[in-house]
Amino acid sequence: MSVNACTRWAELAAALLLCAVLASPLWAQGAPGEGAGRATLGSPQAPAAAGNSAAKPHDDSFVIGNDDVLAINVWKEPDISRSIPVRSDGKISLPLVGEVQATGLTPLKLEKDIASKLKNYISEPEVTVMVQQVNSQKFNILGQVARPGSYGIANSPTVLDAIALAGGFRDFAKKKSIYVLRQGSGGESRIPFNYKEVSQGKNMSQNIKLQPGDTIIVP
Protein backbone atom coordinates (compact mmCIF):
# COMPACT_ATOMS: atom_id res chain seq x y z
CA MET A 1 0.00 0.00 0.00
CA SER A 2 1.37 3.42 -0.95
CA VAL A 3 2.17 6.14 1.53
CA ASN A 4 -0.68 8.30 0.21
CA ALA A 5 -3.19 5.49 0.70
CA CYS A 6 -2.06 4.96 4.28
CA THR A 7 -2.43 8.64 4.97
CA ARG A 8 -5.98 8.69 3.59
CA TRP A 9 -6.96 5.67 5.69
CA ALA A 10 -5.56 7.36 8.83
CA GLU A 11 -7.49 10.55 8.12
CA LEU A 12 -10.71 8.56 7.57
CA ALA A 13 -10.26 6.66 10.85
CA ALA A 14 -9.67 9.89 12.76
CA ALA A 15 -12.82 11.43 11.25
CA LEU A 16 -14.93 8.44 12.25
CA LEU A 17 -13.56 8.54 15.81
CA LEU A 18 -14.39 12.26 16.07
CA CYS A 19 -17.98 11.65 14.95
CA ALA A 20 -18.41 8.92 17.57
CA VAL A 21 -17.15 11.20 20.33
CA LEU A 22 -19.45 14.07 19.29
CA ALA A 23 -22.47 11.80 19.11
CA SER A 24 -22.00 10.15 22.53
CA PRO A 25 -23.87 12.88 24.61
CA LEU A 26 -26.90 12.44 22.36
CA TRP A 27 -26.95 8.68 23.03
CA ALA A 28 -26.64 9.31 26.78
CA GLN A 29 -29.64 11.67 26.71
CA GLY A 30 -31.87 9.27 24.81
CA ALA A 31 -34.68 10.17 22.53
CA PRO A 32 -36.65 13.40 23.15
CA GLY A 33 -39.32 12.84 25.74
CA GLU A 34 -37.88 9.47 26.77
CA GLY A 35 -37.46 9.12 30.54
CA ALA A 36 -39.02 12.52 31.20
CA GLY A 37 -39.57 13.08 34.89
CA ARG A 38 -37.40 10.06 35.76
CA ALA A 39 -34.46 10.58 38.12
CA THR A 40 -31.08 9.31 36.87
CA LEU A 41 -28.22 7.99 38.95
CA GLY A 42 -26.37 10.83 40.59
CA SER A 43 -29.06 13.40 39.78
CA PRO A 44 -31.13 15.08 42.52
CA GLN A 45 -34.48 13.48 43.13
CA ALA A 46 -37.57 15.41 42.20
CA PRO A 47 -39.41 16.92 45.16
CA ALA A 48 -42.33 15.00 46.56
CA ALA A 49 -45.70 15.78 45.13
CA ALA A 50 -47.62 18.56 46.81
CA GLY A 51 -49.83 17.38 49.59
CA ASN A 52 -47.70 14.35 50.46
CA SER A 53 -46.16 15.95 53.54
CA ALA A 54 -45.12 13.32 56.07
CA ALA A 55 -47.31 13.24 59.14
CA LYS A 56 -45.35 13.61 62.37
CA PRO A 57 -46.20 11.27 65.23
CA HIS A 58 -47.89 12.67 68.32
CA ASP A 59 -47.74 11.71 71.95
CA ASP A 60 -51.43 11.20 72.68
CA SER A 61 -50.69 11.16 76.40
CA PHE A 62 -49.64 14.83 76.42
CA VAL A 63 -52.40 17.31 77.16
CA ILE A 64 -51.92 20.99 76.32
CA GLY A 65 -52.16 23.39 79.25
CA ASN A 66 -52.17 27.12 79.95
CA ASP A 67 -48.92 28.95 79.09
CA ASP A 68 -47.65 26.16 76.81
CA VAL A 69 -46.16 27.56 73.59
CA LEU A 70 -47.46 25.95 70.39
CA ALA A 71 -45.98 26.02 66.89
CA ILE A 72 -48.93 25.91 64.50
CA ASN A 73 -48.21 25.35 60.82
CA VAL A 74 -50.84 25.46 58.08
CA TRP A 75 -49.37 24.18 54.83
CA LYS A 76 -48.95 26.95 52.23
CA GLU A 77 -50.53 29.50 54.60
CA PRO A 78 -47.70 31.52 56.19
CA ASP A 79 -50.09 34.25 57.34
CA ILE A 80 -51.86 31.75 59.59
CA SER A 81 -48.84 29.72 60.69
CA ARG A 82 -47.17 31.00 63.84
CA SER A 83 -45.78 30.31 67.30
CA ILE A 84 -48.33 31.22 69.94
CA PRO A 85 -48.74 30.76 73.72
CA VAL A 86 -51.90 29.34 75.23
CA ARG A 87 -53.66 32.09 77.16
CA SER A 88 -54.70 31.88 80.80
CA ASP A 89 -58.28 31.16 79.65
CA GLY A 90 -57.02 28.09 77.78
CA LYS A 91 -57.56 29.47 74.29
CA ILE A 92 -55.51 30.61 71.30
CA SER A 93 -56.50 32.97 68.51
CA LEU A 94 -55.63 32.53 64.81
CA PRO A 95 -56.53 34.42 61.61
CA LEU A 96 -59.63 33.01 59.86
CA VAL A 97 -60.05 30.54 62.72
CA GLY A 98 -60.75 32.93 65.56
CA GLU A 99 -60.56 31.64 69.13
CA VAL A 100 -59.99 27.93 69.70
CA GLN A 101 -59.89 25.99 72.95
CA ALA A 102 -56.43 24.46 73.39
CA THR A 103 -56.09 23.59 77.07
CA GLY A 104 -57.25 20.07 77.78
CA LEU A 105 -56.65 18.85 74.21
CA THR A 106 -53.88 16.77 72.71
CA PRO A 107 -51.94 18.34 69.80
CA LEU A 108 -53.62 15.90 67.40
CA LYS A 109 -57.12 16.90 68.57
CA LEU A 110 -56.24 20.59 68.27
CA GLU A 111 -55.00 20.01 64.72
CA LYS A 112 -58.37 18.52 63.78
CA ASP A 113 -60.30 21.38 65.41
CA ILE A 114 -58.26 24.04 63.59
CA ALA A 115 -58.53 22.20 60.27
CA SER A 116 -62.30 21.89 60.69
CA LYS A 117 -62.66 25.66 61.13
CA LEU A 118 -60.36 26.38 58.18
CA LYS A 119 -62.42 24.27 55.77
CA ASN A 120 -64.74 27.27 55.35
CA TYR A 121 -61.85 29.14 53.71
CA ILE A 122 -59.27 26.57 52.54
CA SER A 123 -59.80 23.37 50.62
CA GLU A 124 -58.38 20.40 52.54
CA PRO A 125 -56.20 22.36 55.01
CA GLU A 126 -53.16 20.55 56.41
CA VAL A 127 -52.46 21.59 59.99
CA THR A 128 -49.57 20.58 62.25
CA VAL A 129 -49.42 21.47 65.95
CA MET A 130 -46.13 21.03 67.83
CA VAL A 131 -45.52 21.89 71.48
CA GLN A 132 -42.46 24.16 71.55
CA GLN A 133 -42.38 24.85 75.29
CA VAL A 134 -44.07 23.02 78.14
CA ASN A 135 -44.89 25.64 80.76
CA SER A 136 -48.13 24.21 82.12
CA GLN A 137 -46.73 21.08 83.76
CA LYS A 138 -44.96 22.01 86.97
CA PHE A 139 -43.79 20.65 90.31
CA ASN A 140 -43.50 22.45 93.62
CA ILE A 141 -40.68 22.45 96.15
CA LEU A 142 -41.35 23.96 99.55
CA GLY A 143 -39.59 24.35 102.85
CA GLN A 144 -35.91 24.72 103.68
CA VAL A 145 -34.49 25.43 100.21
CA ALA A 146 -33.01 28.65 98.88
CA ARG A 147 -35.70 29.30 96.26
CA PRO A 148 -38.98 27.53 97.07
CA GLY A 149 -41.72 27.70 94.46
CA SER A 150 -43.09 26.14 91.26
CA TYR A 151 -40.82 24.96 88.45
CA GLY A 152 -41.50 23.72 84.94
CA ILE A 153 -41.22 19.98 84.58
CA ALA A 154 -38.95 19.47 81.58
CA ASN A 155 -36.42 16.74 80.75
CA SER A 156 -37.85 14.41 83.42
CA PRO A 157 -36.22 15.96 86.51
CA THR A 158 -35.51 13.88 89.60
CA VAL A 159 -35.73 14.93 93.24
CA LEU A 160 -32.02 15.78 93.18
CA ASP A 161 -32.54 17.91 90.07
CA ALA A 162 -35.37 19.74 91.82
CA ILE A 163 -33.23 20.52 94.86
CA ALA A 164 -30.51 21.90 92.60
CA LEU A 165 -33.06 24.05 90.70
CA ALA A 166 -34.26 25.44 94.01
CA GLY A 167 -30.73 26.53 94.91
CA GLY A 168 -29.92 23.82 97.44
CA PHE A 169 -30.68 23.56 101.13
CA ARG A 170 -30.87 26.19 103.82
CA ASP A 171 -28.73 25.74 106.90
CA PHE A 172 -31.23 23.88 109.07
CA ALA A 173 -32.84 21.62 106.46
CA LYS A 174 -33.56 18.08 107.66
CA LYS A 175 -31.98 16.27 104.74
CA LYS A 176 -32.98 12.80 105.95
CA SER A 177 -36.68 13.65 106.23
CA ILE A 178 -37.52 15.00 102.75
CA TYR A 179 -40.61 13.59 101.07
CA VAL A 180 -42.63 13.95 97.87
CA LEU A 181 -46.40 14.38 97.90
CA ARG A 182 -48.03 12.84 94.83
CA GLN A 183 -51.68 12.80 93.82
CA GLY A 184 -52.93 9.52 92.39
CA SER A 185 -56.18 7.76 91.63
CA GLY A 186 -56.19 6.38 95.17
CA GLY A 187 -55.51 9.74 96.78
CA GLU A 188 -52.34 11.43 97.97
CA SER A 189 -49.22 9.37 98.64
CA ARG A 190 -46.06 10.32 100.54
CA ILE A 191 -42.74 9.17 99.06
CA PRO A 192 -39.73 9.50 101.41
CA PHE A 193 -36.37 10.82 100.21
CA ASN A 194 -33.20 10.61 102.30
CA TYR A 195 -30.72 13.02 100.78
CA LYS A 196 -27.86 11.73 102.95
CA GLU A 197 -28.23 8.21 101.54
CA VAL A 198 -28.67 9.26 97.93
CA SER A 199 -25.71 11.65 98.02
CA GLN A 200 -23.59 8.68 99.17
CA GLY A 201 -24.88 6.47 96.36
CA LYS A 202 -27.12 4.40 98.62
CA ASN A 203 -30.74 3.44 97.96
CA MET A 204 -30.80 5.38 94.67
CA SER A 205 -34.34 4.23 93.91
CA GLN A 206 -35.47 7.08 96.17
CA ASN A 207 -34.34 9.57 93.53
CA ILE A 208 -37.56 9.23 91.56
CA LYS A 209 -38.51 11.14 88.42
CA LEU A 210 -41.03 13.84 89.20
CA GLN A 211 -44.51 14.01 87.72
CA PRO A 212 -46.66 17.08 87.06
CA GLY A 213 -48.24 18.24 90.30
CA ASP A 214 -45.67 16.65 92.63
CA THR A 215 -44.74 18.66 95.70
CA ILE A 216 -41.38 18.18 97.43
CA ILE A 217 -41.32 19.07 101.11
CA VAL A 218 -37.96 19.88 102.70
CA PRO A 219 -38.59 20.21 106.49
C-alpha atoms as a PDB file:
ATOM      1  CA  MET A   1       0.000   0.000   0.000  1.00  0.00           C
ATOM      2  CA  SER A   2       1.372   3.415  -0.954  1.00  0.00           C
ATOM      3  CA  VAL A   3       2.167   6.142   1.526  1.00  0.00           C
ATOM      4  CA  ASN A   4      -0.683   8.302   0.206  1.00  0.00           C
ATOM      5  CA  ALA A   5      -3.194   5.493   0.699  1.00  0.00           C
ATOM      6  CA  CYS A   6      -2.057   4.956   4.277  1.00  0.00           C
ATOM      7  CA  THR A   7      -2.429   8.641   4.973  1.00  0.00           C
ATOM      8  CA  ARG A   8      -5.982   8.691   3.593  1.00  0.00           C
ATOM      9  CA  TRP A   9      -6.959   5.667   5.688  1.00  0.00           C
ATOM     10  CA  ALA A  10      -5.564   7.359   8.834  1.00  0.00           C
ATOM     11  CA  GLU A  11      -7.491  10.554   8.117  1.00  0.00           C
ATOM     12  CA  LEU A  12     -10.706   8.557   7.566  1.00  0.00           C
ATOM     13  CA  ALA A  13     -10.260   6.656  10.850  1.00  0.00           C
ATOM     14  CA  ALA A  14      -9.671   9.893  12.760  1.00  0.00           C
ATOM     15  CA  ALA A  15     -12.815  11.428  11.253  1.00  0.00           C
ATOM     16  CA  LEU A  16     -14.933   8.442  12.249  1.00  0.00           C
ATOM     17  CA  LEU A  17     -13.564   8.544  15.806  1.00  0.00           C
ATOM     18  CA  LEU A  18     -14.387  12.263  16.068  1.00  0.00           C
ATOM     19  CA  CYS A  19     -17.978  11.651  14.949  1.00  0.00           C
ATOM     20  CA  ALA A  20     -18.414   8.916  17.565  1.00  0.00           C
ATOM     21  CA  VAL A  21     -17.150  11.196  20.332  1.00  0.00           C
ATOM     22  CA  LEU A  22     -19.447  14.071  19.294  1.00  0.00           C
ATOM     23  CA  ALA A  23     -22.473  11.798  19.105  1.00  0.00           C
ATOM     24  CA  SER A  24     -21.999  10.151  22.530  1.00  0.00           C
ATOM     25  CA  PRO A  25     -23.867  12.878  24.609  1.00  0.00           C
ATOM     26  CA  LEU A  26     -26.904  12.438  22.360  1.00  0.00           C
ATOM     27  CA  TRP A  27     -26.955   8.680  23.029  1.00  0.00           C
ATOM     28  CA  ALA A  28     -26.643   9.314  26.779  1.00  0.00           C
ATOM     29  CA  GLN A  29     -29.640  11.674  26.713  1.00  0.00           C
ATOM     30  CA  GLY A  30     -31.871   9.270  24.813  1.00  0.00           C
ATOM     31  CA  ALA A  31     -34.676  10.170  22.533  1.00  0.00           C
ATOM     32  CA  PRO A  32     -36.653  13.401  23.149  1.00  0.00           C
ATOM     33  CA  GLY A  33     -39.322  12.843  25.737  1.00  0.00           C
ATOM     34  CA  GLU A  34     -37.883   9.472  26.770  1.00  0.00           C
ATOM     35  CA  GLY A  35     -37.460   9.116  30.538  1.00  0.00           C
ATOM     36  CA  ALA A  36     -39.025  12.522  31.202  1.00  0.00           C
ATOM     37  CA  GLY A  37     -39.574  13.081  34.891  1.00  0.00           C
ATOM     38  CA  ARG A  38     -37.398  10.056  35.758  1.00  0.00           C
ATOM     39  CA  ALA A  39     -34.455  10.582  38.122  1.00  0.00           C
ATOM     40  CA  THR A  40     -31.084   9.309  36.874  1.00  0.00           C
ATOM     41  CA  LEU A  41     -28.220   7.986  38.947  1.00  0.00           C
ATOM     42  CA  GLY A  42     -26.373  10.829  40.593  1.00  0.00           C
ATOM     43  CA  SER A  43     -29.059  13.403  39.777  1.00  0.00           C
ATOM     44  CA  PRO A  44     -31.128  15.084  42.515  1.00  0.00           C
ATOM     45  CA  GLN A  45     -34.478  13.479  43.127  1.00  0.00           C
ATOM     46  CA  ALA A  46     -37.573  15.410  42.198  1.00  0.00           C
ATOM     47  CA  PRO A  47     -39.406  16.922  45.160  1.00  0.00           C
ATOM     48  CA  ALA A  48     -42.329  15.001  46.563  1.00  0.00           C
ATOM     49  CA  ALA A  49     -45.703  15.780  45.127  1.00  0.00           C
ATOM     50  CA  ALA A  50     -47.622  18.562  46.805  1.00  0.00           C
ATOM     51  CA  GLY A  51     -49.831  17.382  49.589  1.00  0.00           C
ATOM     52  CA  ASN A  52     -47.704  14.355  50.460  1.00  0.00           C
ATOM     53  CA  SER A  53     -46.156  15.948  53.541  1.00  0.00           C
ATOM     54  CA  ALA A  54     -45.122  13.325  56.068  1.00  0.00           C
ATOM     55  CA  ALA A  55     -47.306  13.236  59.139  1.00  0.00           C
ATOM     56  CA  LYS A  56     -45.353  13.606  62.366  1.00  0.00           C
ATOM     57  CA  PRO A  57     -46.198  11.270  65.232  1.00  0.00           C
ATOM     58  CA  HIS A  58     -47.885  12.671  68.317  1.00  0.00           C
ATOM     59  CA  ASP A  59     -47.741  11.710  71.948  1.00  0.00           C
ATOM     60  CA  ASP A  60     -51.426  11.204  72.679  1.00  0.00           C
ATOM     61  CA  SER A  61     -50.693  11.155  76.404  1.00  0.00           C
ATOM     62  CA  PHE A  62     -49.638  14.829  76.419  1.00  0.00           C
ATOM     63  CA  VAL A  63     -52.403  17.313  77.164  1.00  0.00           C
ATOM     64  CA  ILE A  64     -51.917  20.987  76.322  1.00  0.00           C
ATOM     65  CA  GLY A  65     -52.159  23.393  79.254  1.00  0.00           C
ATOM     66  CA  ASN A  66     -52.170  27.125  79.947  1.00  0.00           C
ATOM     67  CA  ASP A  67     -48.924  28.951  79.091  1.00  0.00           C
ATOM     68  CA  ASP A  68     -47.653  26.164  76.812  1.00  0.00           C
ATOM     69  CA  VAL A  69     -46.162  27.556  73.591  1.00  0.00           C
ATOM     70  CA  LEU A  70     -47.465  25.950  70.391  1.00  0.00           C
ATOM     71  CA  ALA A  71     -45.981  26.015  66.890  1.00  0.00           C
ATOM     72  CA  ILE A  72     -48.930  25.906  64.496  1.00  0.00           C
ATOM     73  CA  ASN A  73     -48.210  25.353  60.816  1.00  0.00           C
ATOM     74  CA  VAL A  74     -50.839  25.460  58.078  1.00  0.00           C
ATOM     75  CA  TRP A  75     -49.369  24.184  54.827  1.00  0.00           C
ATOM     76  CA  LYS A  76     -48.948  26.949  52.229  1.00  0.00           C
ATOM     77  CA  GLU A  77     -50.531  29.502  54.595  1.00  0.00           C
ATOM     78  CA  PRO A  78     -47.697  31.523  56.186  1.00  0.00           C
ATOM     79  CA  ASP A  79     -50.094  34.249  57.341  1.00  0.00           C
ATOM     80  CA  ILE A  80     -51.863  31.749  59.592  1.00  0.00           C
ATOM     81  CA  SER A  81     -48.838  29.722  60.693  1.00  0.00           C
ATOM     82  CA  ARG A  82     -47.173  31.004  63.837  1.00  0.00           C
ATOM     83  CA  SER A  83     -45.780  30.305  67.300  1.00  0.00           C
ATOM     84  CA  ILE A  84     -48.326  31.223  69.943  1.00  0.00           C
ATOM     85  CA  PRO A  85     -48.736  30.761  73.718  1.00  0.00           C
ATOM     86  CA  VAL A  86     -51.903  29.345  75.231  1.00  0.00           C
ATOM     87  CA  ARG A  87     -53.662  32.093  77.159  1.00  0.00           C
ATOM     88  CA  SER A  88     -54.703  31.877  80.797  1.00  0.00           C
ATOM     89  CA  ASP A  89     -58.282  31.163  79.651  1.00  0.00           C
ATOM     90  CA  GLY A  90     -57.017  28.089  77.783  1.00  0.00           C
ATOM     91  CA  LYS A  91     -57.561  29.469  74.289  1.00  0.00           C
ATOM     92  CA  ILE A  92     -55.512  30.606  71.297  1.00  0.00           C
ATOM     93  CA  SER A  93     -56.502  32.968  68.509  1.00  0.00           C
ATOM     94  CA  LEU A  94     -55.627  32.533  64.812  1.00  0.00           C
ATOM     95  CA  PRO A  95     -56.527  34.423  61.615  1.00  0.00           C
ATOM     96  CA  LEU A  96     -59.635  33.006  59.864  1.00  0.00           C
ATOM     97  CA  VAL A  97     -60.046  30.544  62.724  1.00  0.00           C
ATOM     98  CA  GLY A  98     -60.752  32.931  65.565  1.00  0.00           C
ATOM     99  CA  GLU A  99     -60.558  31.644  69.133  1.00  0.00           C
ATOM    100  CA  VAL A 100     -59.985  27.935  69.700  1.00  0.00           C
ATOM    101  CA  GLN A 101     -59.895  25.994  72.955  1.00  0.00           C
ATOM    102  CA  ALA A 102     -56.430  24.458  73.390  1.00  0.00           C
ATOM    103  CA  THR A 103     -56.087  23.585  77.074  1.00  0.00           C
ATOM    104  CA  GLY A 104     -57.254  20.069  77.777  1.00  0.00           C
ATOM    105  CA  LEU A 105     -56.653  18.855  74.208  1.00  0.00           C
ATOM    106  CA  THR A 106     -53.879  16.765  72.710  1.00  0.00           C
ATOM    107  CA  PRO A 107     -51.936  18.343  69.799  1.00  0.00           C
ATOM    108  CA  LEU A 108     -53.620  15.904  67.399  1.00  0.00           C
ATOM    109  CA  LYS A 109     -57.120  16.896  68.568  1.00  0.00           C
ATOM    110  CA  LEU A 110     -56.239  20.592  68.274  1.00  0.00           C
ATOM    111  CA  GLU A 111     -55.003  20.007  64.716  1.00  0.00           C
ATOM    112  CA  LYS A 112     -58.366  18.520  63.780  1.00  0.00           C
ATOM    113  CA  ASP A 113     -60.302  21.377  65.410  1.00  0.00           C
ATOM    114  CA  ILE A 114     -58.262  24.035  63.591  1.00  0.00           C
ATOM    115  CA  ALA A 115     -58.532  22.201  60.265  1.00  0.00           C
ATOM    116  CA  SER A 116     -62.304  21.891  60.695  1.00  0.00           C
ATOM    117  CA  LYS A 117     -62.662  25.660  61.129  1.00  0.00           C
ATOM    118  CA  LEU A 118     -60.356  26.385  58.185  1.00  0.00           C
ATOM    119  CA  LYS A 119     -62.424  24.271  55.771  1.00  0.00           C
ATOM    120  CA  ASN A 120     -64.740  27.265  55.346  1.00  0.00           C
ATOM    121  CA  TYR A 121     -61.846  29.138  53.712  1.00  0.00           C
ATOM    122  CA  ILE A 122     -59.273  26.574  52.539  1.00  0.00           C
ATOM    123  CA  SER A 123     -59.799  23.368  50.617  1.00  0.00           C
ATOM    124  CA  GLU A 124     -58.377  20.402  52.538  1.00  0.00           C
ATOM    125  CA  PRO A 125     -56.204  22.364  55.013  1.00  0.00           C
ATOM    126  CA  GLU A 126     -53.165  20.550  56.406  1.00  0.00           C
ATOM    127  CA  VAL A 127     -52.458  21.594  59.993  1.00  0.00           C
ATOM    128  CA  THR A 128     -49.566  20.578  62.247  1.00  0.00           C
ATOM    129  CA  VAL A 129     -49.415  21.467  65.949  1.00  0.00           C
ATOM    130  CA  MET A 130     -46.134  21.027  67.828  1.00  0.00           C
ATOM    131  CA  VAL A 131     -45.517  21.889  71.480  1.00  0.00           C
ATOM    132  CA  GLN A 132     -42.460  24.161  71.552  1.00  0.00           C
ATOM    133  CA  GLN A 133     -42.382  24.847  75.288  1.00  0.00           C
ATOM    134  CA  VAL A 134     -44.068  23.021  78.140  1.00  0.00           C
ATOM    135  CA  ASN A 135     -44.890  25.640  80.759  1.00  0.00           C
ATOM    136  CA  SER A 136     -48.131  24.208  82.125  1.00  0.00           C
ATOM    137  CA  GLN A 137     -46.733  21.084  83.764  1.00  0.00           C
ATOM    138  CA  LYS A 138     -44.958  22.007  86.966  1.00  0.00           C
ATOM    139  CA  PHE A 139     -43.795  20.648  90.310  1.00  0.00           C
ATOM    140  CA  ASN A 140     -43.505  22.451  93.619  1.00  0.00           C
ATOM    141  CA  ILE A 141     -40.681  22.455  96.149  1.00  0.00           C
ATOM    142  CA  LEU A 142     -41.350  23.962  99.551  1.00  0.00           C
ATOM    143  CA  GLY A 143     -39.591  24.351 102.855  1.00  0.00           C
ATOM    144  CA  GLN A 144     -35.906  24.722 103.680  1.00  0.00           C
ATOM    145  CA  VAL A 145     -34.491  25.433 100.212  1.00  0.00           C
ATOM    146  CA  ALA A 146     -33.005  28.651  98.877  1.00  0.00           C
ATOM    147  CA  ARG A 147     -35.705  29.295  96.256  1.00  0.00           C
ATOM    148  CA  PRO A 148     -38.981  27.526  97.073  1.00  0.00           C
ATOM    149  CA  GLY A 149     -41.722  27.704  94.460  1.00  0.00           C
ATOM    150  CA  SER A 150     -43.088  26.139  91.259  1.00  0.00           C
ATOM    151  CA  TYR A 151     -40.820  24.961  88.451  1.00  0.00           C
ATOM    152  CA  GLY A 152     -41.496  23.720  84.937  1.00  0.00           C
ATOM    153  CA  ILE A 153     -41.220  19.976  84.584  1.00  0.00           C
ATOM    154  CA  ALA A 154     -38.948  19.472  81.581  1.00  0.00           C
ATOM    155  CA  ASN A 155     -36.423  16.745  80.747  1.00  0.00           C
ATOM    156  CA  SER A 156     -37.850  14.410  83.422  1.00  0.00           C
ATOM    157  CA  PRO A 157     -36.225  15.964  86.513  1.00  0.00           C
ATOM    158  CA  THR A 158     -35.510  13.876  89.598  1.00  0.00           C
ATOM    159  CA  VAL A 159     -35.732  14.935  93.242  1.00  0.00           C
ATOM    160  CA  LEU A 160     -32.016  15.783  93.182  1.00  0.00           C
ATOM    161  CA  ASP A 161     -32.538  17.909  90.072  1.00  0.00           C
ATOM    162  CA  ALA A 162     -35.367  19.744  91.815  1.00  0.00           C
ATOM    163  CA  ILE A 163     -33.234  20.517  94.859  1.00  0.00           C
ATOM    164  CA  ALA A 164     -30.511  21.902  92.597  1.00  0.00           C
ATOM    165  CA  LEU A 165     -33.058  24.048  90.702  1.00  0.00           C
ATOM    166  CA  ALA A 166     -34.257  25.436  94.013  1.00  0.00           C
ATOM    167  CA  GLY A 167     -30.725  26.532  94.912  1.00  0.00           C
ATOM    168  CA  GLY A 168     -29.921  23.817  97.442  1.00  0.00           C
ATOM    169  CA  PHE A 169     -30.684  23.564 101.135  1.00  0.00           C
ATOM    170  CA  ARG A 170     -30.865  26.186 103.819  1.00  0.00           C
ATOM    171  CA  ASP A 171     -28.730  25.738 106.902  1.00  0.00           C
ATOM    172  CA  PHE A 172     -31.232  23.878 109.071  1.00  0.00           C
ATOM    173  CA  ALA A 173     -32.836  21.617 106.462  1.00  0.00           C
ATOM    174  CA  LYS A 174     -33.562  18.075 107.655  1.00  0.00           C
ATOM    175  CA  LYS A 175     -31.982  16.269 104.739  1.00  0.00           C
ATOM    176  CA  LYS A 176     -32.982  12.803 105.948  1.00  0.00           C
ATOM    177  CA  SER A 177     -36.681  13.647 106.226  1.00  0.00           C
ATOM    178  CA  ILE A 178     -37.523  15.002 102.753  1.00  0.00           C
ATOM    179  CA  TYR A 179     -40.615  13.595 101.065  1.00  0.00           C
ATOM    180  CA  VAL A 180     -42.634  13.948  97.870  1.00  0.00           C
ATOM    181  CA  LEU A 181     -46.400  14.382  97.901  1.00  0.00           C
ATOM    182  CA  ARG A 182     -48.033  12.840  94.832  1.00  0.00           C
ATOM    183  CA  GLN A 183     -51.679  12.803  93.819  1.00  0.00           C
ATOM    184  CA  GLY A 184     -52.926   9.519  92.391  1.00  0.00           C
ATOM    185  CA  SER A 185     -56.180   7.758  91.626  1.00  0.00           C
ATOM    186  CA  GLY A 186     -56.194   6.379  95.168  1.00  0.00           C
ATOM    187  CA  GLY A 187     -55.513   9.740  96.784  1.00  0.00           C
ATOM    188  CA  GLU A 188     -52.341  11.434  97.966  1.00  0.00           C
ATOM    189  CA  SER A 189     -49.224   9.365  98.639  1.00  0.00           C
ATOM    190  CA  ARG A 190     -46.065  10.315 100.535  1.00  0.00           C
ATOM    191  CA  ILE A 191     -42.744   9.168  99.057  1.00  0.00           C
ATOM    192  CA  PRO A 192     -39.726   9.495 101.413  1.00  0.00           C
ATOM    193  CA  PHE A 193     -36.366  10.815 100.209  1.00  0.00           C
ATOM    194  CA  ASN A 194     -33.201  10.606 102.300  1.00  0.00           C
ATOM    195  CA  TYR A 195     -30.716  13.021 100.780  1.00  0.00           C
ATOM    196  CA  LYS A 196     -27.858  11.727 102.951  1.00  0.00           C
ATOM    197  CA  GLU A 197     -28.234   8.214 101.543  1.00  0.00           C
ATOM    198  CA  VAL A 198     -28.666   9.258  97.928  1.00  0.00           C
ATOM    199  CA  SER A 199     -25.709  11.650  98.021  1.00  0.00           C
ATOM    200  CA  GLN A 200     -23.585   8.676  99.171  1.00  0.00           C
ATOM    201  CA  GLY A 201     -24.879   6.470  96.356  1.00  0.00           C
ATOM    202  CA  LYS A 202     -27.123   4.401  98.616  1.00  0.00           C
ATOM    203  CA  ASN A 203     -30.744   3.441  97.958  1.00  0.00           C
ATOM    204  CA  MET A 204     -30.795   5.382  94.673  1.00  0.00           C
ATOM    205  CA  SER A 205     -34.338   4.229  93.910  1.00  0.00           C
ATOM    206  CA  GLN A 206     -35.475   7.079  96.168  1.00  0.00           C
ATOM    207  CA  ASN A 207     -34.336   9.573  93.527  1.00  0.00           C
ATOM    208  CA  ILE A 208     -37.559   9.235  91.560  1.00  0.00           C
ATOM    209  CA  LYS A 209     -38.515  11.136  88.415  1.00  0.00           C
ATOM    210  CA  LEU A 210     -41.028  13.843  89.204  1.00  0.00           C
ATOM    211  CA  GLN A 211     -44.508  14.010  87.722  1.00  0.00           C
ATOM    212  CA  PRO A 212     -46.665  17.080  87.061  1.00  0.00           C
ATOM    213  CA  GLY A 213     -48.245  18.241  90.300  1.00  0.00           C
ATOM    214  CA  ASP A 214     -45.671  16.648  92.629  1.00  0.00           C
ATOM    215  CA  THR A 215     -44.743  18.657  95.702  1.00  0.00           C
ATOM    216  CA  ILE A 216     -41.381  18.179  97.433  1.00  0.00           C
ATOM    217  CA  ILE A 217     -41.318  19.070 101.109  1.00  0.00           C
ATOM    218  CA  VAL A 218     -37.956  19.875 102.696  1.00  0.00           C
ATOM    219  CA  PRO A 219     -38.590  20.211 106.489  1.00  0.00           C
END
